[in-house]
Amino acid sequence: MTPSHARDPRGSDSVRSQHIAGILRDEILAGDLTPGTWLRQDELAARLGTSRIPVREALRILESDGLTESFPNRGSRVPVLSLEDVNTYYRMRERLEPLTLTESLPHLTDRHLAHLEHIQDEIENQNDVNRFLLLDRDFHMTTYAGCSSDHLLAITERLWNSTQHYRRAYMVLADPDRATIVNAEHRLILDAVRRRDPEDGERYLTGHIRRTRVELTAHPELFVENR
């Protein structure tokens, strides 16, 4: 057995990198770090009380998750997307996520269904945008929880990550009636999930994503980068 003092120090760096990535992931998804924000390794290391090595690895992890982008000799930043980028990402979601849902349906359990009911009940009584975004993500990711393809799930989550900021900006502009529409669409998706009906599930989900895309991209002011 290898003595504890002789263990590979890279193990602790890996754990530290995952921890740092988790902190930064939460800050990006919560909107504390907005698109265009530069993520300087020295500054992050000082703020988080660590060295640059785990910070550098954490930024690589986040880039693979679609939450940062890197530039040679310049560093990493939270990605800035154009209207065309977001339109394309949503069109990808319209095609990809129905497949993820179909692959998931046969493997969802009663526990998943109970969790979905609980999430949707909370969404319908929610007025806080940040809380809504967390619940909305949880709702959809729970419907995909039975998908056995890690690759499919990873791509699905990456697309969600990439468009998170723009969903938040859009929700701030949303009119009160939109919540009623979202809730009705969620209830249709939940009904299809409960019946394990892939055709209805795909149809309702595709329409749900498409409506958001059409309404979101009708606001070009959300995609102006502050330089």
C-alpha atoms as a PDB file:
ATOM      1  CA  MET A   1       0.000   0.000   0.000  1.00  0.00           C
ATOM      2  CA  THR A   2       1.283   3.452  -0.870  1.00  0.00           C
ATOM      3  CA  PRO A   3       1.892   5.590   2.241  1.00  0.00           C
ATOM      4  CA  SER A   4      -0.436   8.569   2.506  1.00  0.00           C
ATOM      5  CA  HIS A   5       2.466  11.014   2.363  1.00  0.00           C
ATOM      6  CA  ALA A   6       3.618   9.423  -0.924  1.00  0.00           C
ATOM      7  CA  ARG A   7       0.306   9.706  -2.778  1.00  0.00           C
ATOM      8  CA  ASP A   8       0.258  11.435  -6.141  1.00  0.00           C
ATOM      9  CA  PRO A   9      -0.322  15.150  -5.407  1.00  0.00           C
ATOM     10  CA  ARG A  10      -2.175  15.427  -8.695  1.00  0.00           C
ATOM     11  CA  GLY A  11      -5.108  13.744  -6.979  1.00  0.00           C
ATOM     12  CA  SER A  12      -5.610  16.686  -4.640  1.00  0.00           C
ATOM     13  CA  ASP A  13      -5.192  19.115  -7.543  1.00  0.00           C
ATOM     14  CA  SER A  14      -7.912  17.251  -9.438  1.00  0.00           C
ATOM     15  CA  VAL A  15     -10.318  17.488  -6.500  1.00  0.00           C
ATOM     16  CA  ARG A  16      -9.453  21.170  -6.077  1.00  0.00           C
ATOM     17  CA  SER A  17     -10.014  21.807  -9.785  1.00  0.00           C
ATOM     18  CA  GLN A  18     -13.443  20.169  -9.661  1.00  0.00           C
ATOM     19  CA  HIS A  19     -14.315  22.255  -6.606  1.00  0.00           C
ATOM     20  CA  ILE A  20     -13.220  25.489  -8.291  1.00  0.00           C
ATOM     21  CA  ALA A  21     -15.064  24.531 -11.471  1.00  0.00           C
ATOM     22  CA  GLY A  22     -18.189  23.996  -9.370  1.00  0.00           C
ATOM     23  CA  ILE A  23     -17.920  27.442  -7.784  1.00  0.00           C
ATOM     24  CA  LEU A  24     -17.396  29.177 -11.127  1.00  0.00           C
ATOM     25  CA  ARG A  25     -20.131  27.093 -12.797  1.00  0.00           C
ATOM     26  CA  ASP A  26     -22.623  28.246 -10.168  1.00  0.00           C
ATOM     27  CA  GLU A  27     -21.540  31.877 -10.581  1.00  0.00           C
ATOM     28  CA  ILE A  28     -21.891  31.738 -14.373  1.00  0.00           C
ATOM     29  CA  LEU A  29     -25.263  29.981 -14.324  1.00  0.00           C
ATOM     30  CA  ALA A  30     -26.519  32.376 -11.633  1.00  0.00           C
ATOM     31  CA  GLY A  31     -25.548  35.375 -13.752  1.00  0.00           C
ATOM     32  CA  ASP A  32     -22.894  36.653 -11.343  1.00  0.00           C
ATOM     33  CA  LEU A  33     -20.325  36.220 -14.130  1.00  0.00           C
ATOM     34  CA  THR A  34     -21.902  37.577 -17.309  1.00  0.00           C
ATOM     35  CA  PRO A  35     -20.964  37.029 -20.983  1.00  0.00           C
ATOM     36  CA  GLY A  36     -17.738  38.827 -21.849  1.00  0.00           C
ATOM     37  CA  THR A  37     -16.323  38.616 -18.297  1.00  0.00           C
ATOM     38  CA  TRP A  38     -12.627  37.693 -18.443  1.00  0.00           C
ATOM     39  CA  LEU A  39     -11.572  34.949 -16.035  1.00  0.00           C
ATOM     40  CA  ARG A  40      -7.988  35.812 -15.065  1.00  0.00           C
ATOM     41  CA  GLN A  41      -6.156  32.899 -13.516  1.00  0.00           C
ATOM     42  CA  ASP A  42      -4.162  35.052 -11.077  1.00  0.00           C
ATOM     43  CA  GLU A  43      -7.268  36.890  -9.890  1.00  0.00           C
ATOM     44  CA  LEU A  44      -9.269  33.699  -9.490  1.00  0.00           C
ATOM     45  CA  ALA A  45      -6.419  31.961  -7.639  1.00  0.00           C
ATOM     46  CA  ALA A  46      -6.160  34.886  -5.216  1.00  0.00           C
ATOM     47  CA  ARG A  47      -9.921  35.066  -4.673  1.00  0.00           C
ATOM     48  CA  LEU A  48     -10.284  31.336  -4.133  1.00  0.00           C
ATOM     49  CA  GLY A  49      -7.116  30.909  -2.078  1.00  0.00           C
ATOM     50  CA  THR A  50      -5.328  28.472  -4.359  1.00  0.00           C
ATOM     51  CA  SER A  51      -2.602  28.275  -7.005  1.00  0.00           C
ATOM     52  CA  ARG A  52      -2.994  28.812 -10.731  1.00  0.00           C
ATOM     53  CA  ILE A  53      -2.671  25.098 -11.578  1.00  0.00           C
ATOM     54  CA  PRO A  54      -6.118  23.936 -10.343  1.00  0.00           C
ATOM     55  CA  VAL A  55      -7.664  27.172 -11.674  1.00  0.00           C
ATOM     56  CA  ARG A  56      -6.267  26.479 -15.133  1.00  0.00           C
ATOM     57  CA  GLU A  57      -7.671  22.951 -15.075  1.00  0.00           C
ATOM     58  CA  ALA A  58     -11.013  24.214 -13.775  1.00  0.00           C
ATOM     59  CA  LEU A  59     -11.258  26.583 -16.742  1.00  0.00           C
ATOM     60  CA  ARG A  60     -10.613  23.660 -19.096  1.00  0.00           C
ATOM     61  CA  ILE A  61     -13.432  21.727 -17.437  1.00  0.00           C
ATOM     62  CA  LEU A  62     -15.776  24.681 -17.844  1.00  0.00           C
ATOM     63  CA  GLU A  63     -14.800  25.105 -21.490  1.00  0.00           C
ATOM     64  CA  SER A  64     -15.745  21.496 -22.186  1.00  0.00           C
ATOM     65  CA  ASP A  65     -19.099  22.234 -20.506  1.00  0.00           C
ATOM     66  CA  GLY A  66     -19.716  25.217 -22.799  1.00  0.00           C
ATOM     67  CA  LEU A  67     -19.392  27.737 -19.967  1.00  0.00           C
ATOM     68  CA  THR A  68     -16.098  29.396 -20.951  1.00  0.00           C
ATOM     69  CA  GLU A  69     -14.122  30.031 -24.118  1.00  0.00           C
ATOM     70  CA  SER A  70     -10.367  30.491 -24.429  1.00  0.00           C
ATOM     71  CA  PHE A  71      -8.245  32.702 -26.661  1.00  0.00           C
ATOM     72  CA  PRO A  72      -4.505  32.202 -27.359  1.00  0.00           C
ATOM     73  CA  ASN A  73      -2.379  34.668 -25.361  1.00  0.00           C
ATOM     74  CA  ARG A  74      -5.500  36.308 -23.921  1.00  0.00           C
ATOM     75  CA  GLY A  75      -7.042  33.812 -21.508  1.00  0.00           C
ATOM     76  CA  SER A  76     -10.591  32.654 -20.860  1.00  0.00           C
ATOM     77  CA  ARG A  77     -13.900  34.442 -20.629  1.00  0.00           C
ATOM     78  CA  VAL A  78     -17.589  33.714 -20.293  1.00  0.00           C
ATOM     79  CA  PRO A  79     -18.766  33.234 -23.905  1.00  0.00           C
ATOM     80  CA  VAL A  80     -20.548  35.984 -25.783  1.00  0.00           C
ATOM     81  CA  LEU A  81     -23.129  34.707 -28.251  1.00  0.00           C
ATOM     82  CA  SER A  82     -24.683  36.504 -31.171  1.00  0.00           C
ATOM     83  CA  LEU A  83     -28.367  36.327 -32.025  1.00  0.00           C
ATOM     84  CA  GLU A  84     -27.422  33.928 -34.842  1.00  0.00           C
ATOM     85  CA  ASP A  85     -25.490  31.730 -32.378  1.00  0.00           C
ATOM     86  CA  VAL A  86     -28.417  31.453 -29.999  1.00  0.00           C
ATOM     87  CA  ASN A  87     -30.845  30.834 -32.846  1.00  0.00           C
ATOM     88  CA  THR A  88     -28.638  27.979 -34.066  1.00  0.00           C
ATOM     89  CA  TYR A  89     -28.208  26.516 -30.578  1.00  0.00           C
ATOM     90  CA  TYR A  90     -31.958  26.513 -30.030  1.00  0.00           C
ATOM     91  CA  ARG A  91     -32.560  24.872 -33.394  1.00  0.00           C
ATOM     92  CA  MET A  92     -30.051  22.200 -32.352  1.00  0.00           C
ATOM     93  CA  ARG A  93     -31.972  21.780 -29.109  1.00  0.00           C
ATOM     94  CA  GLU A  94     -35.245  21.392 -31.015  1.00  0.00           C
ATOM     95  CA  ARG A  95     -33.770  18.364 -32.780  1.00  0.00           C
ATOM     96  CA  LEU A  96     -31.580  16.909 -30.065  1.00  0.00           C
ATOM     97  CA  GLU A  97     -33.662  17.106 -26.903  1.00  0.00           C
ATOM     98  CA  PRO A  98     -36.693  15.211 -28.240  1.00  0.00           C
ATOM     99  CA  LEU A  99     -34.291  12.332 -28.924  1.00  0.00           C
ATOM    100  CA  THR A 100     -32.844  12.627 -25.416  1.00  0.00           C
ATOM    101  CA  LEU A 101     -36.373  12.513 -24.011  1.00  0.00           C
ATOM    102  CA  THR A 102     -37.363   9.504 -26.123  1.00  0.00           C
ATOM    103  CA  GLU A 103     -34.278   7.597 -24.967  1.00  0.00           C
ATOM    104  CA  SER A 104     -35.061   8.525 -21.375  1.00  0.00           C
ATOM    105  CA  LEU A 105     -38.771   7.694 -21.165  1.00  0.00           C
ATOM    106  CA  PRO A 106     -38.599   3.890 -20.747  1.00  0.00           C
ATOM    107  CA  HIS A 107     -36.169   4.221 -17.832  1.00  0.00           C
ATOM    108  CA  LEU A 108     -37.852   6.926 -15.755  1.00  0.00           C
ATOM    109  CA  THR A 109     -39.119   5.710 -12.387  1.00  0.00           C
ATOM    110  CA  ASP A 110     -42.031   6.644 -10.168  1.00  0.00           C
ATOM    111  CA  ARG A 111     -39.527   8.619  -8.116  1.00  0.00           C
ATOM    112  CA  HIS A 112     -38.639  10.693 -11.179  1.00  0.00           C
ATOM    113  CA  LEU A 113     -42.331  11.345 -11.836  1.00  0.00           C
ATOM    114  CA  ALA A 114     -42.945  12.407  -8.240  1.00  0.00           C
ATOM    115  CA  HIS A 115     -39.966  14.764  -8.444  1.00  0.00           C
ATOM    116  CA  LEU A 116     -41.273  16.268 -11.689  1.00  0.00           C
ATOM    117  CA  GLU A 117     -44.678  16.874 -10.099  1.00  0.00           C
ATOM    118  CA  HIS A 118     -43.015  18.555  -7.134  1.00  0.00           C
ATOM    119  CA  ILE A 119     -40.839  20.769  -9.355  1.00  0.00           C
ATOM    120  CA  GLN A 120     -43.760  21.851 -11.515  1.00  0.00           C
ATOM    121  CA  ASP A 121     -45.908  22.644  -8.481  1.00  0.00           C
ATOM    122  CA  GLU A 122     -43.118  24.920  -7.222  1.00  0.00           C
ATOM    123  CA  ILE A 123     -42.637  26.523 -10.647  1.00  0.00           C
ATOM    124  CA  GLU A 124     -46.320  27.461 -10.738  1.00  0.00           C
ATOM    125  CA  ASN A 125     -45.956  29.259  -7.410  1.00  0.00           C
ATOM    126  CA  GLN A 126     -42.670  30.966  -8.273  1.00  0.00           C
ATOM    127  CA  ASN A 127     -42.075  34.660  -8.943  1.00  0.00           C
ATOM    128  CA  ASP A 128     -38.276  34.814  -8.592  1.00  0.00           C
ATOM    129  CA  VAL A 129     -36.494  34.612 -11.961  1.00  0.00           C
ATOM    130  CA  ASN A 130     -33.332  32.965 -10.661  1.00  0.00           C
ATOM    131  CA  ARG A 131     -35.306  30.344  -8.768  1.00  0.00           C
ATOM    132  CA  PHE A 132     -37.482  29.731 -11.829  1.00  0.00           C
ATOM    133  CA  LEU A 133     -34.397  29.154 -14.003  1.00  0.00           C
ATOM    134  CA  LEU A 134     -33.027  26.587 -11.548  1.00  0.00           C
ATOM    135  CA  LEU A 135     -36.380  24.803 -11.329  1.00  0.00           C
ATOM    136  CA  ASP A 136     -36.912  24.890 -15.098  1.00  0.00           C
ATOM    137  CA  ARG A 137     -33.488  23.333 -15.645  1.00  0.00           C
ATOM    138  CA  ASP A 138     -34.191  20.706 -12.991  1.00  0.00           C
ATOM    139  CA  PHE A 139     -37.533  19.885 -14.618  1.00  0.00           C
ATOM    140  CA  HIS A 140     -36.085  19.244 -18.050  1.00  0.00           C
ATOM    141  CA  MET A 141     -32.946  17.479 -16.845  1.00  0.00           C
ATOM    142  CA  THR A 142     -35.100  15.150 -14.745  1.00  0.00           C
ATOM    143  CA  THR A 143     -37.091  14.204 -17.851  1.00  0.00           C
ATOM    144  CA  TYR A 144     -33.747  13.274 -19.459  1.00  0.00           C
ATOM    145  CA  ALA A 145     -32.415  11.394 -16.422  1.00  0.00           C
ATOM    146  CA  GLY A 146     -33.234   7.973 -17.869  1.00  0.00           C
ATOM    147  CA  CYS A 147     -31.182   8.479 -21.040  1.00  0.00           C
ATOM    148  CA  SER A 148     -28.442   5.852 -21.151  1.00  0.00           C
ATOM    149  CA  SER A 149     -26.214   7.766 -23.578  1.00  0.00           C
ATOM    150  CA  ASP A 150     -23.701   9.852 -21.639  1.00  0.00           C
ATOM    151  CA  HIS A 151     -22.642  11.514 -24.894  1.00  0.00           C
ATOM    152  CA  LEU A 152     -26.188  12.598 -25.729  1.00  0.00           C
ATOM    153  CA  LEU A 153     -26.730  13.922 -22.220  1.00  0.00           C
ATOM    154  CA  ALA A 154     -23.426  15.831 -22.276  1.00  0.00           C
ATOM    155  CA  ILE A 155     -24.310  17.599 -25.533  1.00  0.00           C
ATOM    156  CA  THR A 156     -27.782  18.408 -24.230  1.00  0.00           C
ATOM    157  CA  GLU A 157     -26.390  19.918 -21.039  1.00  0.00           C
ATOM    158  CA  ARG A 158     -23.714  21.860 -22.930  1.00  0.00           C
ATOM    159  CA  LEU A 159     -26.379  23.522 -25.086  1.00  0.00           C
ATOM    160  CA  TRP A 160     -28.346  24.434 -21.956  1.00  0.00           C
ATOM    161  CA  ASN A 161     -25.222  25.908 -20.368  1.00  0.00           C
ATOM    162  CA  SER A 162     -24.392  27.957 -23.445  1.00  0.00           C
ATOM    163  CA  THR A 163     -27.766  29.709 -23.556  1.00  0.00           C
ATOM    164  CA  GLN A 164     -28.378  30.172 -19.810  1.00  0.00           C
ATOM    165  CA  HIS A 165     -27.561  33.898 -19.668  1.00  0.00           C
ATOM    166  CA  TYR A 166     -29.851  34.702 -22.575  1.00  0.00           C
ATOM    167  CA  ARG A 167     -32.758  32.790 -21.038  1.00  0.00           C
ATOM    168  CA  ARG A 168     -32.288  34.857 -17.873  1.00  0.00           C
ATOM    169  CA  ALA A 169     -32.201  38.154 -19.796  1.00  0.00           C
ATOM    170  CA  TYR A 170     -35.289  37.080 -21.723  1.00  0.00           C
ATOM    171  CA  MET A 171     -37.210  36.129 -18.575  1.00  0.00           C
ATOM    172  CA  VAL A 172     -36.616  39.596 -17.148  1.00  0.00           C
ATOM    173  CA  LEU A 173     -38.397  40.990 -20.222  1.00  0.00           C
ATOM    174  CA  ALA A 174     -41.132  38.382 -20.167  1.00  0.00           C
ATOM    175  CA  ASP A 175     -44.746  39.499 -19.848  1.00  0.00           C
ATOM    176  CA  PRO A 176     -46.923  38.007 -17.075  1.00  0.00           C
ATOM    177  CA  ASP A 177     -48.931  35.819 -19.468  1.00  0.00           C
ATOM    178  CA  ARG A 178     -45.822  33.932 -20.534  1.00  0.00           C
ATOM    179  CA  ALA A 179     -45.641  32.037 -17.243  1.00  0.00           C
ATOM    180  CA  THR A 180     -49.086  30.620 -17.949  1.00  0.00           C
ATOM    181  CA  ILE A 181     -47.903  29.368 -21.346  1.00  0.00           C
ATOM    182  CA  VAL A 182     -44.730  27.811 -19.905  1.00  0.00           C
ATOM    183  CA  ASN A 183     -46.711  26.035 -17.205  1.00  0.00           C
ATOM    184  CA  ALA A 184     -49.226  24.675 -19.720  1.00  0.00           C
ATOM    185  CA  GLU A 185     -46.392  23.359 -21.908  1.00  0.00           C
ATOM    186  CA  HIS A 186     -44.684  21.773 -18.917  1.00  0.00           C
ATOM    187  CA  ARG A 187     -47.929  20.063 -17.942  1.00  0.00           C
ATOM    188  CA  LEU A 188     -48.294  18.647 -21.470  1.00  0.00           C
ATOM    189  CA  ILE A 189     -44.711  17.344 -21.381  1.00  0.00           C
ATOM    190  CA  LEU A 190     -45.288  15.875 -17.931  1.00  0.00           C
ATOM    191  CA  ASP A 191     -48.450  14.145 -19.113  1.00  0.00           C
ATOM    192  CA  ALA A 192     -46.552  12.578 -22.043  1.00  0.00           C
ATOM    193  CA  VAL A 193     -43.779  11.476 -19.673  1.00  0.00           C
ATOM    194  CA  ARG A 194     -46.305   9.928 -17.308  1.00  0.00           C
ATOM    195  CA  ARG A 195     -47.840   7.982 -20.229  1.00  0.00           C
ATOM    196  CA  ARG A 196     -44.370   7.117 -21.624  1.00  0.00           C
ATOM    197  CA  ASP A 197     -45.573   8.481 -24.968  1.00  0.00           C
ATOM    198  CA  PRO A 198     -42.553   9.386 -27.145  1.00  0.00           C
ATOM    199  CA  GLU A 199     -44.595  10.891 -29.980  1.00  0.00           C
ATOM    200  CA  ASP A 200     -46.487  13.335 -27.790  1.00  0.00           C
ATOM    201  CA  GLY A 201     -43.368  13.972 -25.722  1.00  0.00           C
ATOM    202  CA  GLU A 202     -41.338  14.906 -28.790  1.00  0.00           C
ATOM    203  CA  ARG A 203     -44.122  17.078 -30.218  1.00  0.00           C
ATOM    204  CA  TYR A 204     -44.751  19.010 -27.004  1.00  0.00           C
ATOM    205  CA  LEU A 205     -41.052  19.464 -26.246  1.00  0.00           C
ATOM    206  CA  THR A 206     -40.187  20.611 -29.765  1.00  0.00           C
ATOM    207  CA  GLY A 207     -42.942  23.223 -29.633  1.00  0.00           C
ATOM    208  CA  HIS A 208     -41.837  24.342 -26.166  1.00  0.00           C
ATOM    209  CA  ILE A 209     -38.246  24.938 -27.295  1.00  0.00           C
ATOM    210  CA  ARG A 210     -39.263  26.493 -30.609  1.00  0.00           C
ATOM    211  CA  ARG A 211     -41.579  29.017 -28.956  1.00  0.00           C
ATOM    212  CA  THR A 212     -38.788  30.149 -26.648  1.00  0.00           C
ATOM    213  CA  ARG A 213     -36.402  30.467 -29.600  1.00  0.00           C
ATOM    214  CA  VAL A 214     -38.837  32.560 -31.627  1.00  0.00           C
ATOM    215  CA  GLU A 215     -39.643  34.875 -28.735  1.00  0.00           C
ATOM    216  CA  LEU A 216     -36.037  35.147 -27.525  1.00  0.00           C
ATOM    217  CA  THR A 217     -34.607  36.016 -30.932  1.00  0.00           C
ATOM    218  CA  ALA A 218     -37.267  38.702 -31.357  1.00  0.00           C
ATOM    219  CA  HIS A 219     -35.199  40.735 -28.862  1.00  0.00           C
ATOM    220  CA  PRO A 220     -31.916  41.584 -30.661  1.00  0.00           C
ATOM    221  CA  GLU A 221     -31.041  44.037 -27.885  1.00  0.00           C
ATOM    222  CA  LEU A 222     -30.215  41.050 -25.663  1.00  0.00           C
ATOM    223  CA  PHE A 223     -27.289  40.156 -27.886  1.00  0.00           C
ATOM    224  CA  VAL A 224     -25.418  43.462 -27.918  1.00  0.00           C
ATOM    225  CA  GLU A 225     -22.014  42.965 -26.332  1.00  0.00           C
ATOM    226  CA  ASN A 226     -20.883  45.623 -23.896  1.00  0.00           C
ATOM    227  CA  ARG A 227     -17.289  46.201 -24.869  1.00  0.00           C
END
